Amino acid sequence: MTDISKPRRRGRGARKLARETAATPRLPTIRYGIKPVEVVSADQLETIHQASLKILREVGIDFRDEVAIEQWSAAGAEVRGERVHLDGEMIEDLVARAPERFELTGRGPNSRFEIGLDTVAFCPTHGPPNIRDLEGVRRFSTIDDLRTVNKIVQMSPGFHMASGFAAEPMDIAVPWRHLHINHSSLVETDLATFGMTTGEERTRDSIAMAEIVYGSDFLRDNVVMLGHISGNSPLVWDSTMLEGLRVMIEAGQGVLISPFVLGAANTPADVAATAAQLNAEALACIAYSQLVHPGAPVIYGQYSVAVSMKSGAPMSGMPEVSLLNGIVGQLARRYKVPWRTSAAQSSGKTFDAQSGYESATSYMAGVTANANLMLHAGGWDEAGMVTCLAKLVADSEQNLMMATYARGVSFDRFDEALEAVGRIGPGGHYLGDEFTLANFEDAFFSPKILDYEAFETWELQGLRDMWERSRQHAQAVLASYEPPPMDDAVREELDAFVERRQSELSPDVV
């Protein structure tokens, strides 16, 4: 059996870091104060919308799942084998049943936040099979690495939720992996998280584990987990994902519907036509979620990258992807469904300038398009093949900065600030003014990892570059970690569930 480690109390060291972390509360619900960018006109948006409906009506979309086919057929859709043809009226009627907003919550005291058309939330990466550890070594991820990621997320105020499989534990047999991923999310963090939705059985295990921790009554009335339902573009939804969708929705939990766009590989080599295809895919599955249960909490998702015409490799941070974000944001607001994009995604092979440039572009494209869930907002590198621990803490700080930008301009102290202009007058300075002294601590965002010292000071402090500062910050965060409280009886029941399910599942059957 794989060991389920018991919590170990640490945190005597790094008191300064602990005080700084305690002084920065976890991000609450962030409401947009900036207007969303609109990259296409109303007429062009309608053209894309109508093209999506035409695809669903004339080309159709595969639902490779017997239950879904029966449900679509009973609802009056035209079904030919696995191919479902959907008319626009049915699609729009079903999509209209999806809620404009809903809340997620963990078990922590400040873990409740809202997902809605006017909000933004940040979640770290999930899915990479490799880790870049704090020594800079790239290797397969282990369960201990996943626990490390979750500890950093728990101690980092820039994350609203945990991501579940933030680092794939390759040392755990595949049939058991979902149990340990869920276990780490529920134990190492007290945040809402992603459950595992690769099939009915694994999703039911995810729900059962959440019920142990939260209680079945609480789970019926609160969303504590999202299920990531990933499409097989072009135009396929398979049984593995659809089974997971149904289990999540039936348990009152939320789902993230994500077509998987590799521009020019599984969508046309054209931004507008790609938008039409991915929108058709998203609409079909959002509609299906509401066919399963009207009012089920759902997020319009998309993972989008351009594909290099030289190598076939995915390229992050490309201008076409930024434009696609803008279009998806406009479409989601048209349908009144919250939407997701990728935040700090990078194709960089190390935590270097490329990683930073691409991540910054992705962040700004998402926030200026008013994305509601910024997934992969922490640690993502090498086109999703690596979770970088140093980048994880750097991205967390960027999340705090993006939240400040997203809130927009405040006029709360405008009149007081203008009075200072009258006091200082021409040629003066504001450093000693009473308004500055009263407000300097929160007038501007003050990063802890980014460096603004003079060159000489930076040199005296050891010439630490961004990698080294982030690495040391991550080490200090981990030194200050203490597991969130959990009732001993609950922990014992959770551990016993994992041990029992492992004994029932063969480690050799994927």
Foldseek 3Di string as FASTA:
>chain_A
DDDDDDFDDFAPPLVVLLVVLVVQAADAWFFFPADFDALDDPVLLVVLVVLLQCCLAPVFFFEAAPVLQVLLVVVPWDDDPRGTRDHPVLLLVLLLLAAQKAWAAFQDPRQIYMFHLGTAFEEAAADAQWALALVRDIDGAALVNLLLLLLLVQSFSLHNAYEQRNYQHPVAQPVLRQLSSLLSRNWQHRHQYAHEQQAQVRLVSSLVLVCLFQNLVVQQVHARYEYEQEADAPRYRYPRSVSSLLSQQVSLYEYEYEYEEAQVPRFDVDLSRRLSRLVSSQSVVSSSSCSSPRHRHYAHEYEYFYADPVPRHTAAQDPSVLSSLLSVLVVCVVSSHAYEYEAQAFLDPGCDPRSVNRNVSRNVSNLSSSHRYHYNQAQHYNRRNYRYQLRRNVSSLVSVVSSVVRHPDDCPCVVVVVVVCVVQDPPGDCCPPPVCVVCVVPPDDDDDQDDDDDPVVCVVVPVDDSSRSSSVSSVSSVSNGGIDDGDPVSSVVSVVSSVVVPVVDDSPDD
